Amino acid sequence: VPYQKKLMELSMLTPEEIEWVNSYHSKCREILAPYLDESEKAWLRKSTEPLIASA
C-alpha cells in the first residue's frame, strides 16, 4: 500500500529517507499493477510518483 504523500513533510525527511520511500513506491507499483484495471493503475501511478526533496 503506498504512503500518502500529502501527509509527508518532505522538509523533515533526509535524502536517504526520500530514496527509501521512492524505492518502496516503485515496489508497490511492480507488485500491484498486474492486479489492477487501467483506472486503478492510473491512480497507483499518481499515488506513487517519486518524491522530490524540497530545497
Foldseek 3Di string as FASTA:
>chain_A
DQDAPVPDDLQPDDPVRLVVSLVVLVVVLVPCVVVDDPVVNVVSCVRNPRDDRDD
